[in-house]
Amino acid sequence: MFLGQPSVLPKSLDEVESALGRKLLPDPFTGKSLIYRQTPDGYKVYSVGDDKKDDGGQLLKHAYETDEWGVYIRVPRK
């Protein structure tokens, strides 16, 4: 749910931060903003990881399976 509307996704990381009421910490590997990507069923906010390459937010169940760190928010659609 984003801003009380379950089918509305934030358009940018700025909107996510605005809804949270604070800035997110920067990517610890680059010092820049975390990456925000919409997906067909939600969105991801993630770090590029130690290799400093954006692999599209390949977030897996176990940290040792991927270099990127973040969250994947799934939004149920009606």
Protein backbone atom coordinates (compact mmCIF):
# COMPACT_ATOMS: atom_id res chain seq x y z
CA MET A 1 0.00 0.00 0.00
CA PHE A 2 1.36 3.41 -0.87
CA LEU A 3 -0.20 6.55 0.53
CA GLY A 4 -3.35 4.61 1.44
CA GLN A 5 -3.98 3.39 -2.11
CA PRO A 6 -2.97 -0.26 -2.60
CA SER A 7 -2.88 -0.07 -6.41
CA VAL A 8 -0.75 3.10 -6.55
CA LEU A 9 3.03 2.69 -6.71
CA PRO A 10 5.51 5.42 -5.91
CA LYS A 11 6.95 6.96 -9.08
CA SER A 12 10.40 7.58 -7.62
CA LEU A 13 12.65 7.10 -4.63
CA ASP A 14 11.79 10.69 -3.65
CA GLU A 15 8.13 9.64 -3.27
CA VAL A 16 9.14 6.67 -1.12
CA GLU A 17 11.22 8.94 1.11
CA SER A 18 8.42 11.51 1.29
CA ALA A 19 5.94 8.84 2.39
CA LEU A 20 8.41 7.62 5.04
CA GLY A 21 8.99 11.18 6.20
CA ARG A 22 12.77 10.86 5.96
CA LYS A 23 15.66 10.32 3.58
CA LEU A 24 16.99 6.80 3.17
CA LEU A 25 20.64 6.16 3.86
CA PRO A 26 22.84 6.25 0.75
CA ASP A 27 24.13 3.13 -0.94
CA PRO A 28 27.07 2.11 1.28
CA PHE A 29 29.06 0.93 -1.76
CA THR A 30 28.73 4.06 -3.91
CA GLY A 31 27.68 6.84 -1.53
CA LYS A 32 24.89 7.70 -3.99
CA SER A 33 21.14 7.20 -3.63
CA LEU A 34 19.76 3.69 -3.54
CA ILE A 35 18.16 2.50 -6.78
CA TYR A 36 14.39 2.45 -7.21
CA ARG A 37 12.76 0.24 -9.85
CA GLN A 38 9.10 -0.47 -10.49
CA THR A 39 8.26 -4.08 -11.30
CA PRO A 40 5.07 -5.60 -12.76
CA ASP A 41 3.89 -6.46 -9.23
CA GLY A 42 5.49 -3.79 -7.03
CA TYR A 43 8.86 -2.11 -6.68
CA LYS A 44 12.42 -2.61 -5.47
CA VAL A 45 14.76 -0.33 -3.55
CA TYR A 46 18.30 -1.65 -3.54
CA SER A 47 22.07 -1.14 -3.38
CA VAL A 48 24.37 -2.13 -6.23
CA GLY A 49 26.49 -4.19 -3.86
CA ASP A 50 30.22 -4.67 -3.59
CA ASP A 51 30.79 -5.02 -7.35
CA LYS A 52 29.19 -1.56 -7.83
CA LYS A 53 27.23 -2.82 -10.87
CA ASP A 54 23.48 -2.48 -11.20
CA ASP A 55 22.27 -5.98 -12.02
CA GLY A 56 18.62 -4.92 -11.91
CA GLY A 57 18.04 -5.65 -8.24
CA GLN A 58 18.58 -9.39 -8.34
CA LEU A 59 17.47 -9.96 -4.76
CA LEU A 60 17.43 -13.60 -3.72
CA LYS A 61 16.52 -15.39 -0.50
CA HIS A 62 20.06 -15.74 0.82
CA ALA A 63 22.67 -12.98 0.95
CA TYR A 64 25.39 -15.28 -0.37
CA GLU A 65 23.43 -15.84 -3.61
CA THR A 66 23.58 -12.24 -4.79
CA ASP A 67 25.75 -9.18 -4.55
CA GLU A 68 22.86 -6.70 -4.40
CA TRP A 69 21.00 -5.82 -1.20
CA GLY A 70 17.57 -4.27 -0.86
CA VAL A 71 13.85 -4.77 -0.48
CA TYR A 72 11.22 -5.97 -2.92
CA ILE A 73 7.74 -4.66 -2.16
CA ARG A 74 4.96 -6.62 -3.84
CA VAL A 75 1.61 -4.92 -4.24
CA PRO A 76 -1.44 -7.14 -4.82
CA ARG A 77 -3.46 -6.03 -7.82
CA LYS A 78 -7.19 -6.56 -8.16
